[in-house]
C-alpha atoms as a PDB file:
ATOM      1  CA  MET A   1     -25.986  26.571 -15.723  1.00  0.00           C
ATOM      2  CA  ASP A   2     -22.712  24.786 -14.828  1.00  0.00           C
ATOM      3  CA  PHE A   3     -19.335  25.625 -16.339  1.00  0.00           C
ATOM      4  CA  LEU A   4     -15.673  24.679 -16.003  1.00  0.00           C
ATOM      5  CA  ARG A   5     -13.688  27.769 -15.335  1.00  0.00           C
ATOM      6  CA  PHE A   6     -10.101  28.238 -16.478  1.00  0.00           C
ATOM      7  CA  GLN A   7      -7.606  30.770 -15.711  1.00  0.00           C
ATOM      8  CA  ARG A   8      -3.822  30.845 -16.733  1.00  0.00           C
ATOM      9  CA  PHE A   9      -1.133  32.075 -14.409  1.00  0.00           C
ATOM     10  CA  ARG A  10       2.787  32.241 -14.359  1.00  0.00           C
ATOM     11  CA  ILE A  11       5.208  31.820 -11.418  1.00  0.00           C
ATOM     12  CA  ASN A  12       7.529  34.620 -10.744  1.00  0.00           C
ATOM     13  CA  TYR A  13      10.747  32.885 -10.755  1.00  0.00           C
ATOM     14  CA  SER A  14      13.745  34.344  -8.871  1.00  0.00           C
ATOM     15  CA  ASP A  15      17.379  33.288  -8.233  1.00  0.00           C
ATOM     16  CA  THR A  16      16.694  33.060  -4.702  1.00  0.00           C
ATOM     17  CA  GLN A  17      13.199  31.552  -4.762  1.00  0.00           C
ATOM     18  CA  TYR A  18      12.238  27.830  -5.377  1.00  0.00           C
ATOM     19  CA  GLY A  19       9.899  27.832  -8.182  1.00  0.00           C
ATOM     20  CA  GLY A  20       8.155  24.570  -7.625  1.00  0.00           C
ATOM     21  CA  LEU A  21       4.579  23.837  -6.211  1.00  0.00           C
ATOM     22  CA  ASN A  22       5.304  21.037  -3.660  1.00  0.00           C
ATOM     23  CA  LEU A  23       7.406  22.763  -1.169  1.00  0.00           C
ATOM     24  CA  PRO A  24       5.099  23.505   1.913  1.00  0.00           C
ATOM     25  CA  ASP A  25       5.016  27.318   2.721  1.00  0.00           C
ATOM     26  CA  ASN A  26       6.656  28.199  -0.576  1.00  0.00           C
ATOM     27  CA  LYS A  27       6.936  31.985  -0.966  1.00  0.00           C
ATOM     28  CA  ALA A  28       7.118  32.005  -4.700  1.00  0.00           C
ATOM     29  CA  THR A  29       4.570  34.438  -6.121  1.00  0.00           C
ATOM     30  CA  THR A  30       2.358  34.258  -9.191  1.00  0.00           C
ATOM     31  CA  THR A  31       0.759  36.559 -11.762  1.00  0.00           C
ATOM     32  CA  LEU A  32      -2.576  35.858 -12.919  1.00  0.00           C
ATOM     33  CA  ASN A  33      -3.660  36.299 -16.623  1.00  0.00           C
ATOM     34  CA  PRO A  34      -6.676  38.619 -16.741  1.00  0.00           C
ATOM     35  CA  THR A  35      -8.450  36.731 -19.218  1.00  0.00           C
ATOM     36  CA  ILE A  36     -10.769  33.752 -17.929  1.00  0.00           C
ATOM     37  CA  ALA A  37     -12.181  31.025 -20.025  1.00  0.00           C
ATOM     38  CA  TYR A  38     -15.485  29.348 -19.339  1.00  0.00           C
ATOM     39  CA  LEU A  39     -16.416  25.930 -21.210  1.00  0.00           C
ATOM     40  CA  THR A  40     -19.662  24.141 -20.670  1.00  0.00           C
ATOM     41  CA  MET A  41     -19.479  21.123 -18.500  1.00  0.00           C
ATOM     42  CA  PRO A  42     -17.754  18.256 -20.329  1.00  0.00           C
ATOM     43  CA  HIS A  43     -19.187  14.942 -20.638  1.00  0.00           C
ATOM     44  CA  ASN A  44     -16.211  13.162 -18.980  1.00  0.00           C
ATOM     45  CA  ILE A  45     -15.748  14.206 -15.498  1.00  0.00           C
ATOM     46  CA  THR A  46     -13.502  11.792 -13.443  1.00  0.00           C
ATOM     47  CA  ALA A  47     -11.170  12.099 -10.736  1.00  0.00           C
ATOM     48  CA  ASN A  48      -8.325   9.470 -10.050  1.00  0.00           C
ATOM     49  CA  TYR A  49      -6.344   9.054  -7.037  1.00  0.00           C
ATOM     50  CA  SER A  50      -3.382   6.649  -7.411  1.00  0.00           C
ATOM     51  CA  ALA A  51      -0.439   5.774  -5.271  1.00  0.00           C
ATOM     52  CA  SER A  52       2.805   4.054  -6.322  1.00  0.00           C
ATOM     53  CA  TYR A  53       4.101   0.833  -4.575  1.00  0.00           C
ATOM     54  CA  ASN A  54       7.022  -1.523  -5.119  1.00  0.00           C
ATOM     55  CA  GLN A  55       7.277  -5.046  -4.263  1.00  0.00           C
ATOM     56  CA  ALA A  56      10.315  -5.642  -1.969  1.00  0.00           C
ATOM     57  CA  ASN A  57      11.643  -8.955  -0.676  1.00  0.00           C
ATOM     58  CA  MET A  58      12.933  -7.827   2.714  1.00  0.00           C
ATOM     59  CA  GLY A  59      14.508 -11.156   3.750  1.00  0.00           C
ATOM     60  CA  VAL A  60      15.913 -12.041   7.315  1.00  0.00           C
ATOM     61  CA  LEU A  61      18.679  -9.414   7.150  1.00  0.00           C
ATOM     62  CA  GLY A  62      16.493  -6.694   5.557  1.00  0.00           C
ATOM     63  CA  ILE A  63      14.007  -7.038   8.594  1.00  0.00           C
ATOM     64  CA  ALA A  64      17.114  -6.976  11.009  1.00  0.00           C
ATOM     65  CA  ALA A  65      18.302  -3.767   9.271  1.00  0.00           C
ATOM     66  CA  THR A  66      14.858  -2.150   9.493  1.00  0.00           C
ATOM     67  CA  ARG A  67      14.952  -2.815  13.212  1.00  0.00           C
ATOM     68  CA  LEU A  68      18.201  -1.226  13.683  1.00  0.00           C
ATOM     69  CA  ALA A  69      17.392   1.827  11.439  1.00  0.00           C
ATOM     70  CA  SER A  70      14.091   2.486  13.638  1.00  0.00           C
ATOM     71  CA  ALA A  71      16.106   2.292  16.781  1.00  0.00           C
ATOM     72  CA  ILE A  72      18.649   4.912  15.557  1.00  0.00           C
ATOM     73  CA  THR A  73      15.730   7.108  14.318  1.00  0.00           C
ATOM     74  CA  GLU A  74      14.505   7.052  17.678  1.00  0.00           C
ATOM     75  CA  GLY A  75      17.718   8.319  19.217  1.00  0.00           C
ATOM     76  CA  MET A  76      19.033   4.965  20.601  1.00  0.00           C
ATOM     77  CA  GLY A  77      22.699   5.017  20.929  1.00  0.00           C
ATOM     78  CA  GLY A  78      25.665   3.999  23.171  1.00  0.00           C
ATOM     79  CA  GLU A  79      25.671   0.853  25.141  1.00  0.00           C
ATOM     80  CA  GLN A  80      21.845   0.094  24.575  1.00  0.00           C
ATOM     81  CA  LEU A  81      22.367   0.483  20.529  1.00  0.00           C
ATOM     82  CA  ASN A  82      25.347  -2.036  20.806  1.00  0.00           C
ATOM     83  CA  GLU A  83      23.290  -4.522  22.902  1.00  0.00           C
ATOM     84  CA  MET A  84      20.390  -4.502  20.380  1.00  0.00           C
ATOM     85  CA  LEU A  85      22.993  -4.789  17.633  1.00  0.00           C
ATOM     86  CA  THR A  86      24.399  -7.684  19.095  1.00  0.00           C
ATOM     87  CA  ASP A  87      21.094  -9.388  19.645  1.00  0.00           C
ATOM     88  CA  ILE A  88      19.858  -8.692  16.024  1.00  0.00           C
ATOM     89  CA  VAL A  89      23.050 -10.068  14.708  1.00  0.00           C
ATOM     90  CA  GLN A  90      22.658 -13.251  16.762  1.00  0.00           C
ATOM     91  CA  ARG A  91      19.049 -13.698  15.834  1.00  0.00           C
ATOM     92  CA  SER A  92      19.713 -12.929  12.101  1.00  0.00           C
ATOM     93  CA  ALA A  93      22.508 -15.194  11.671  1.00  0.00           C
ATOM     94  CA  GLY A  94      20.358 -18.282  13.067  1.00  0.00           C
ATOM     95  CA  GLY A  95      17.518 -17.490  10.717  1.00  0.00           C
ATOM     96  CA  ALA A  96      19.582 -16.784   7.693  1.00  0.00           C
ATOM     97  CA  LEU A  97      22.048 -19.791   7.931  1.00  0.00           C
ATOM     98  CA  PRO A  98      19.742 -22.436   6.267  1.00  0.00           C
ATOM     99  CA  GLU A  99      18.827 -19.979   3.583  1.00  0.00           C
ATOM    100  CA  LEU A 100      22.544 -19.300   3.089  1.00  0.00           C
ATOM    101  CA  LEU A 101      23.660 -22.808   2.944  1.00  0.00           C
ATOM    102  CA  PHE A 102      20.913 -23.728   0.247  1.00  0.00           C
ATOM    103  CA  ASN A 103      21.857 -20.814  -1.755  1.00  0.00           C
ATOM    104  CA  LYS A 104      25.588 -21.551  -1.631  1.00  0.00           C
ATOM    105  CA  GLY A 105      24.885 -25.140  -2.502  1.00  0.00           C
ATOM    106  CA  ALA A 106      22.584 -24.216  -5.387  1.00  0.00           C
ATOM    107  CA  ALA A 107      25.350 -21.713  -6.637  1.00  0.00           C
ATOM    108  CA  GLY A 108      27.936 -24.172  -6.833  1.00  0.00           C
ATOM    109  CA  ILE A 109      25.700 -26.732  -8.501  1.00  0.00           C
ATOM    110  CA  GLN A 110      24.740 -24.103 -11.145  1.00  0.00           C
ATOM    111  CA  SER A 111      28.357 -23.313 -11.686  1.00  0.00           C
ATOM    112  CA  LEU A 112      29.159 -26.863 -12.542  1.00  0.00           C
ATOM    113  CA  ASN A 113      26.139 -27.067 -14.912  1.00  0.00           C
ATOM    114  CA  GLN A 114      27.458 -24.010 -16.702  1.00  0.00           C
ATOM    115  CA  MET A 115      31.001 -25.402 -16.972  1.00  0.00           C
ATOM    116  CA  GLY A 116      29.763 -28.663 -18.335  1.00  0.00           C
ATOM    117  CA  SER A 117      27.209 -27.011 -20.786  1.00  0.00           C
ATOM    118  CA  LEU A 118      24.466 -28.651 -18.938  1.00  0.00           C
ATOM    119  CA  GLY A 119      21.037 -27.861 -18.438  1.00  0.00           C
ATOM    120  CA  GLY A 120      19.298 -27.033 -15.177  1.00  0.00           C
ATOM    121  CA  ASP A 121      17.901 -24.165 -13.110  1.00  0.00           C
ATOM    122  CA  ILE A 122      19.210 -24.653  -9.526  1.00  0.00           C
ATOM    123  CA  THR A 123      18.364 -22.158  -6.840  1.00  0.00           C
ATOM    124  CA  GLY A 124      18.224 -22.174  -3.029  1.00  0.00           C
ATOM    125  CA  ASN A 125      14.397 -22.295  -2.983  1.00  0.00           C
ATOM    126  CA  ASN A 126      14.245 -25.048  -5.610  1.00  0.00           C
ATOM    127  CA  LEU A 127      16.351 -27.206  -3.454  1.00  0.00           C
ATOM    128  CA  SER A 128      14.429 -26.529  -0.438  1.00  0.00           C
ATOM    129  CA  ALA A 129      11.215 -27.045  -2.033  1.00  0.00           C
ATOM    130  CA  LEU A 130      12.260 -30.438  -3.493  1.00  0.00           C
ATOM    131  CA  SER A 131      13.955 -31.572  -0.522  1.00  0.00           C
ATOM    132  CA  GLN A 132      11.885 -30.318   2.342  1.00  0.00           C
ATOM    133  CA  GLY A 133       8.659 -29.358   0.764  1.00  0.00           C
ATOM    134  CA  LYS A 134       8.981 -25.620   1.722  1.00  0.00           C
ATOM    135  CA  ILE A 135      10.975 -22.617   0.678  1.00  0.00           C
ATOM    136  CA  MET A 136      12.283 -19.714   2.507  1.00  0.00           C
ATOM    137  CA  ASN A 137       9.917 -16.734   3.421  1.00  0.00           C
ATOM    138  CA  PRO A 138      11.097 -13.882   1.388  1.00  0.00           C
ATOM    139  CA  TYR A 139       9.109 -11.365   3.794  1.00  0.00           C
ATOM    140  CA  THR A 140       7.716  -9.597   0.533  1.00  0.00           C
ATOM    141  CA  GLU A 141       6.257  -6.180   1.337  1.00  0.00           C
ATOM    142  CA  GLN A 142       4.511  -3.528  -0.602  1.00  0.00           C
ATOM    143  CA  VAL A 143       6.670  -0.578  -0.019  1.00  0.00           C
ATOM    144  CA  PHE A 144       5.067   2.886  -0.610  1.00  0.00           C
ATOM    145  CA  GLN A 145       6.947   4.979  -3.281  1.00  0.00           C
ATOM    146  CA  GLY A 146       4.856   8.185  -3.593  1.00  0.00           C
ATOM    147  CA  ILE A 147       1.733   9.655  -4.997  1.00  0.00           C
ATOM    148  CA  ASN A 148       0.976  10.187  -8.670  1.00  0.00           C
ATOM    149  CA  PHE A 149       0.010  13.331 -10.026  1.00  0.00           C
ATOM    150  CA  ARG A 150      -3.646  13.364 -11.101  1.00  0.00           C
ATOM    151  CA  ASN A 151      -4.591  13.775 -14.768  1.00  0.00           C
ATOM    152  CA  HIS A 152      -7.643  15.271 -16.156  1.00  0.00           C
ATOM    153  CA  SER A 153      -8.973  15.058 -19.667  1.00  0.00           C
ATOM    154  CA  PHE A 154     -11.905  17.004 -21.007  1.00  0.00           C
ATOM    155  CA  THR A 155     -13.414  16.749 -24.544  1.00  0.00           C
ATOM    156  CA  ILE A 156     -16.014  19.390 -25.585  1.00  0.00           C
ATOM    157  CA  LYS A 157     -17.889  19.839 -28.783  1.00  0.00           C
ATOM    158  CA  MET A 158     -18.580  23.309 -29.495  1.00  0.00           C
ATOM    159  CA  LEU A 159     -21.128  24.526 -32.168  1.00  0.00           C
ATOM    160  CA  ALA A 160     -21.305  28.049 -33.693  1.00  0.00           C
ATOM    161  CA  ARG A 161     -24.833  29.403 -34.730  1.00  0.00           C
ATOM    162  CA  ASN A 162     -23.252  32.395 -36.392  1.00  0.00           C
ATOM    163  CA  LYS A 163     -20.018  34.060 -37.183  1.00  0.00           C
ATOM    164  CA  LYS A 164     -19.735  35.841 -33.911  1.00  0.00           C
ATOM    165  CA  GLU A 165     -19.949  32.484 -32.006  1.00  0.00           C
ATOM    166  CA  ALA A 166     -17.472  30.982 -34.342  1.00  0.00           C
ATOM    167  CA  LYS A 167     -15.013  33.741 -33.608  1.00  0.00           C
ATOM    168  CA  GLU A 168     -15.380  33.119 -29.769  1.00  0.00           C
ATOM    169  CA  ILE A 169     -14.695  29.489 -30.295  1.00  0.00           C
ATOM    170  CA  LEU A 170     -11.452  30.442 -32.052  1.00  0.00           C
ATOM    171  CA  ASN A 171     -10.569  32.684 -29.351  1.00  0.00           C
ATOM    172  CA  LEU A 172     -11.146  30.048 -26.689  1.00  0.00           C
ATOM    173  CA  ILE A 173      -8.833  27.628 -28.680  1.00  0.00           C
ATOM    174  CA  GLN A 174      -6.143  30.471 -29.021  1.00  0.00           C
ATOM    175  CA  TYR A 175      -6.413  30.880 -25.188  1.00  0.00           C
ATOM    176  CA  PHE A 176      -5.489  27.281 -24.365  1.00  0.00           C
ATOM    177  CA  LYS A 177      -2.879  26.914 -27.218  1.00  0.00           C
ATOM    178  CA  GLU A 178      -0.910  29.902 -25.937  1.00  0.00           C
ATOM    179  CA  GLY A 179      -1.079  28.861 -22.476  1.00  0.00           C
ATOM    180  CA  ALA A 180       0.226  25.424 -23.184  1.00  0.00           C
ATOM    181  CA  LEU A 181       3.262  26.688 -25.181  1.00  0.00           C
ATOM    182  CA  PRO A 182       6.673  28.325 -24.108  1.00  0.00           C
ATOM    183  CA  GLN A 183       7.899  31.746 -24.828  1.00  0.00           C
ATOM    184  CA  LEU A 184      11.202  32.347 -26.345  1.00  0.00           C
ATOM    185  CA  GLU A 185      13.755  34.425 -24.213  1.00  0.00           C
ATOM    186  CA  ASN A 186      17.055  35.660 -25.118  1.00  0.00           C
ATOM    187  CA  ALA A 187      20.297  34.936 -23.043  1.00  0.00           C
ATOM    188  CA  SER A 188      20.027  38.354 -21.700  1.00  0.00           C
ATOM    189  CA  GLY A 189      16.899  37.511 -19.896  1.00  0.00           C
ATOM    190  CA  LYS A 190      14.901  39.718 -22.306  1.00  0.00           C
ATOM    191  CA  LYS A 191      11.794  38.172 -24.056  1.00  0.00           C
ATOM    192  CA  GLY A 192      12.123  37.386 -27.542  1.00  0.00           C
ATOM    193  CA  ASN A 193       9.666  38.659 -30.348  1.00  0.00           C
ATOM    194  CA  ASN A 194       7.774  35.427 -29.828  1.00  0.00           C
ATOM    195  CA  LYS A 195       7.234  35.311 -33.509  1.00  0.00           C
ATOM    196  CA  SER A 196       7.159  32.083 -35.460  1.00  0.00           C
ATOM    197  CA  ASN A 197      10.430  30.235 -35.281  1.00  0.00           C
ATOM    198  CA  GLN A 198      10.230  29.615 -38.985  1.00  0.00           C
ATOM    199  CA  GLY A 199      11.887  31.572 -41.711  1.00  0.00           C
ATOM    200  CA  GLN A 200      14.359  34.273 -40.800  1.00  0.00           C
ATOM    201  CA  ASN A 201      14.892  33.122 -37.190  1.00  0.00           C
ATOM    202  CA  SER A 202      15.579  29.470 -38.216  1.00  0.00           C
ATOM    203  CA  ASN A 203      18.699  30.964 -40.098  1.00  0.00           C
ATOM    204  CA  ASN A 204      19.960  32.996 -37.315  1.00  0.00           C
ATOM    205  CA  VAL A 205      21.478  30.211 -34.929  1.00  0.00           C
ATOM    206  CA  PHE A 206      24.918  31.352 -35.713  1.00  0.00           C
ATOM    207  CA  LYS A 207      26.148  34.911 -36.092  1.00  0.00           C
ATOM    208  CA  LYS A 208      27.542  35.776 -39.456  1.00  0.00           C
ATOM    209  CA  LYS A 209      31.249  35.084 -39.842  1.00  0.00           C
ATOM    210  CA  SER A 210      31.256  33.949 -35.984  1.00  0.00           C
ATOM    211  CA  LEU A 211      31.338  30.571 -34.450  1.00  0.00           C
ATOM    212  CA  LYS A 212      29.763  31.980 -31.185  1.00  0.00           C
ATOM    213  CA  LEU A 213      26.236  30.812 -30.650  1.00  0.00           C
ATOM    214  CA  SER A 214      23.604  33.443 -30.949  1.00  0.00           C
ATOM    215  CA  THR A 215      21.816  34.662 -27.709  1.00  0.00           C
ATOM    216  CA  GLN A 216      18.474  35.152 -29.833  1.00  0.00           C
ATOM    217  CA  GLY A 217      15.807  32.677 -28.391  1.00  0.00           C
ATOM    218  CA  ARG A 218      18.454  30.921 -26.158  1.00  0.00           C
ATOM    219  CA  TYR A 219      15.891  29.850 -23.582  1.00  0.00           C
ATOM    220  CA  LEU A 220      12.433  28.577 -23.594  1.00  0.00           C
ATOM    221  CA  ARG A 221      10.202  30.129 -20.772  1.00  0.00           C
ATOM    222  CA  VAL A 222       8.021  27.539 -19.034  1.00  0.00           C
ATOM    223  CA  PRO A 223       4.458  27.692 -20.162  1.00  0.00           C
ATOM    224  CA  ASP A 224       1.434  28.954 -18.119  1.00  0.00           C
ATOM    225  CA  TYR A 225      -0.107  26.943 -15.284  1.00  0.00           C
ATOM    226  CA  PHE A 226      -3.940  26.635 -15.116  1.00  0.00           C
ATOM    227  CA  ALA A 227      -6.304  27.200 -12.347  1.00  0.00           C
ATOM    228  CA  LEU A 228      -9.470  25.144 -12.865  1.00  0.00           C
ATOM    229  CA  GLU A 229     -12.647  25.227 -11.022  1.00  0.00           C
ATOM    230  CA  PHE A 230     -16.235  24.085 -11.447  1.00  0.00           C
ATOM    231  CA  VAL A 231     -18.712  26.973 -11.218  1.00  0.00           C
ATOM    232  CA  ARG A 232     -22.503  27.563 -11.523  1.00  0.00           C
ATOM    233  CA  LEU A 233     -24.135  30.651 -13.164  1.00  0.00           C
ATOM    234  CA  ASN A 234     -27.209  32.054 -11.559  1.00  0.00           C
ATOM    235  CA  MET A 235     -29.303  33.407 -14.414  1.00  0.00           C
ATOM    236  CA  GLU A 236     -31.365  35.565 -12.234  1.00  0.00           C
ATOM    237  CA  THR A 237     -28.515  37.191 -10.198  1.00  0.00           C
ATOM    238  CA  ASP A 238     -25.836  36.873 -12.825  1.00  0.00           C
ATOM    239  CA  THR A 239     -23.287  35.600 -10.354  1.00  0.00           C
ATOM    240  CA  LEU A 240     -20.907  32.594 -10.260  1.00  0.00           C
ATOM    241  CA  THR A 241     -20.568  30.191  -7.283  1.00  0.00           C
ATOM    242  CA  PRO A 242     -18.396  27.235  -6.831  1.00  0.00           C
ATOM    243  CA  VAL A 243     -19.831  23.692  -7.767  1.00  0.00           C
ATOM    244  CA  PRO A 244     -18.316  21.206  -5.092  1.00  0.00           C
ATOM    245  CA  HIS A 245     -17.681  18.122  -7.362  1.00  0.00           C
ATOM    246  CA  TYR A 246     -13.962  18.057  -6.405  1.00  0.00           C
ATOM    247  CA  LYS A 247     -11.279  20.708  -6.457  1.00  0.00           C
ATOM    248  CA  PHE A 248      -8.256  20.863  -8.781  1.00  0.00           C
ATOM    249  CA  GLN A 249      -4.557  21.518  -7.745  1.00  0.00           C
ATOM    250  CA  PRO A 250      -2.817  23.961 -10.107  1.00  0.00           C
ATOM    251  CA  CYS A 251      -2.355  22.220 -13.558  1.00  0.00           C
ATOM    252  CA  VAL A 252      -0.117  22.238 -16.597  1.00  0.00           C
ATOM    253  CA  CYS A 253      -1.741  21.806 -19.979  1.00  0.00           C
ATOM    254  CA  GLN A 254      -0.087  18.866 -21.629  1.00  0.00           C
ATOM    255  CA  SER A 255      -1.805  18.832 -24.985  1.00  0.00           C
ATOM    256  CA  VAL A 256      -4.388  20.801 -26.916  1.00  0.00           C
ATOM    257  CA  ASN A 257      -6.137  18.823 -29.698  1.00  0.00           C
ATOM    258  CA  VAL A 258      -8.437  20.596 -31.952  1.00  0.00           C
ATOM    259  CA  ASN A 259     -10.478  18.694 -34.347  1.00  0.00           C
ATOM    260  CA  TYR A 260     -12.077  21.004 -36.996  1.00  0.00           C
ATOM    261  CA  THR A 261     -14.060  18.258 -38.863  1.00  0.00           C
ATOM    262  CA  PRO A 262     -15.789  16.620 -35.743  1.00  0.00           C
ATOM    263  CA  ASP A 263     -18.549  15.395 -38.013  1.00  0.00           C
ATOM    264  CA  GLY A 264     -16.323  13.646 -40.507  1.00  0.00           C
ATOM    265  CA  GLN A 265     -16.766  16.235 -43.142  1.00  0.00           C
ATOM    266  CA  TYR A 266     -15.276  19.875 -43.691  1.00  0.00           C
ATOM    267  CA  VAL A 267     -17.597  22.766 -43.345  1.00  0.00           C
ATOM    268  CA  SER A 268     -16.897  26.464 -43.049  1.00  0.00           C
ATOM    269  CA  PHE A 269     -18.816  29.626 -43.021  1.00  0.00           C
ATOM    270  CA  LYS A 270     -18.753  31.377 -46.356  1.00  0.00           C
ATOM    271  CA  ASP A 271     -15.981  34.023 -46.741  1.00  0.00           C
ATOM    272  CA  ALA A 272     -15.672  33.911 -42.888  1.00  0.00           C
ATOM    273  CA  ILE A 273     -12.095  34.558 -41.929  1.00  0.00           C
ATOM    274  CA  ALA A 274     -11.754  35.821 -38.234  1.00  0.00           C
ATOM    275  CA  ASP A 275      -9.166  38.222 -37.099  1.00  0.00           C
ATOM    276  CA  LEU A 276      -8.115  37.069 -33.503  1.00  0.00           C
ATOM    277  CA  ARG A 277      -5.892  40.077 -32.736  1.00  0.00           C
ATOM    278  CA  PRO A 278      -7.665  42.740 -30.302  1.00  0.00           C
ATOM    279  CA  ASN A 279      -6.300  45.723 -32.618  1.00  0.00           C
ATOM    280  CA  ASN A 280      -7.489  43.725 -35.843  1.00  0.00           C
ATOM    281  CA  ASP A 281      -4.003  44.219 -37.343  1.00  0.00           C
ATOM    282  CA  GLY A 282      -4.464  41.028 -39.335  1.00  0.00           C
ATOM    283  CA  SER A 283      -1.496  39.379 -38.003  1.00  0.00           C
ATOM    284  CA  LEU A 284      -3.581  36.303 -36.788  1.00  0.00           C
ATOM    285  CA  LYS A 285      -6.389  35.269 -39.071  1.00  0.00           C
ATOM    286  CA  GLN A 286      -8.093  31.959 -39.127  1.00  0.00           C
ATOM    287  CA  MET A 287     -11.008  30.424 -40.996  1.00  0.00           C
ATOM    288  CA  MET A 288     -14.081  30.008 -38.901  1.00  0.00           C
ATOM    289  CA  VAL A 289     -16.107  26.540 -38.941  1.00  0.00           C
ATOM    290  CA  PRO A 290     -19.429  25.905 -37.345  1.00  0.00           C
ATOM    291  CA  ALA A 291     -18.410  22.922 -35.319  1.00  0.00           C
ATOM    292  CA  VAL A 292     -15.128  22.087 -33.294  1.00  0.00           C
ATOM    293  CA  GLU A 293     -14.077  19.461 -30.876  1.00  0.00           C
ATOM    294  CA  LEU A 294     -11.670  20.411 -28.416  1.00  0.00           C
ATOM    295  CA  THR A 295      -9.776  18.016 -26.344  1.00  0.00           C
ATOM    296  CA  LEU A 296      -7.724  19.337 -23.371  1.00  0.00           C
ATOM    297  CA  ASN A 297      -5.282  17.168 -21.325  1.00  0.00           C
ATOM    298  CA  PHE A 298      -4.097  18.509 -17.963  1.00  0.00           C
ATOM    299  CA  ALA A 299      -1.809  17.259 -15.337  1.00  0.00           C
ATOM    300  CA  GLU A 300      -1.864  18.645 -11.761  1.00  0.00           C
ATOM    301  CA  ALA A 301       1.395  20.083 -10.659  1.00  0.00           C
ATOM    302  CA  ARG A 302       0.851  19.437  -6.885  1.00  0.00           C
ATOM    303  CA  ILE A 303       0.277  16.053  -5.182  1.00  0.00           C
ATOM    304  CA  VAL A 304      -3.034  15.327  -3.199  1.00  0.00           C
ATOM    305  CA  THR A 305      -2.620  14.448   0.411  1.00  0.00           C
ATOM    306  CA  GLN A 306      -5.064  13.212   3.050  1.00  0.00           C
ATOM    307  CA  ALA A 307      -5.485  16.889   4.289  1.00  0.00           C
ATOM    308  CA  ASP A 308      -6.441  17.940   0.500  1.00  0.00           C
ATOM    309  CA  ALA A 309      -9.006  15.098   0.233  1.00  0.00           C
ATOM    310  CA  GLU A 310     -10.603  16.424   3.433  1.00  0.00           C
ATOM    311  CA  ALA A 311     -10.656  19.896   1.911  1.00  0.00           C
ATOM    312  CA  GLY A 312     -12.476  18.640  -1.194  1.00  0.00           C
ATOM    313  CA  PHE A 313      -9.798  17.799  -3.697  1.00  0.00           C
END
C-alpha cells in the first residue's frame, strides 16, 4: 500500500549562517520534528517544471554590446579590446543609421501632430513599412530569467469508521496546521507562550503608562518546512520503501484547507469531543466528524536543476 510521507523540520538560524536553501554547500543545520504523518495516496499527483523567460528586443546596438561583454568576460583587454571596440562601433553605426534616421523623422512628425492636436501614430517602423515595404529587425530573443519553484496540491478525503479513527484524523489536521503557522517570539529571543493572540495579549501591545512598544510577541518565527516522500508499506514485513514517482525538494506549506462537511451536510459523532493534547489537559478540544476533506498546498523552497532531474526530482 502506498502513502505520502510528511515530516516537519526547522532550520537552526544563526547570526553567522545563511538560512536559505538555495546556496550550494550551505552549512545551515536543521532539527527534525519527531512526529511523522502518513496520508493515503491522493488522487491528484502532478509535477510541473516551468522556467521564466522575457522577450527582449536587442536591436543592433544590443547585439554589439553583447559581443563586447563576451570579450571582456573572456579576459580580452588592452590593444586587442580597443581594436574590437572600434570594429564593433563602425559596424553598428552602419547598421543602426537607417533605423536612427527613420525614428528621428517619425519623432519629428509625431511632435508636429501633437502640437497641432492632429491624429496619427507615426513610428520609424511605420514609415519604413509604408515607404520600403519592410521594417527594422528588432532581433527579438527569449532571455532566460530563472526557474520557478514547483508547487504541489493534494486533496484527500478521510473517512472515520469510529471515534478512534476520527481522533486520528484530527491529529493529522493539527499536525499540518501547526507546521504551516509561525510561532511568537519576544524581542529578547525567547519564545512566547504561543497561546492565542486574542483577548489579553491583544491589549498588551503598549505597556501601561508608557509609550514604549512591548517586547511581547515582537517577532514571528518562520514556520516549519516539510520533507515529502512517496513510500510503500510492505504488509508482510511491515517495512517502508521509497516509491520512485518523483522526489520532492524541501517544501513550505502555503495553505491548509479543511472541509468538515465534504458531503454537503453536517454530521458528527454523538457526544464525541476529542482532546488532542497528549496529557489530556482539556486545552485543545474539537468535535469529531466522520468525514473530512483535507487540501494541502505546498511550494518547494529549492529550485530544480538538470542534476536534480537526473536524480529523480
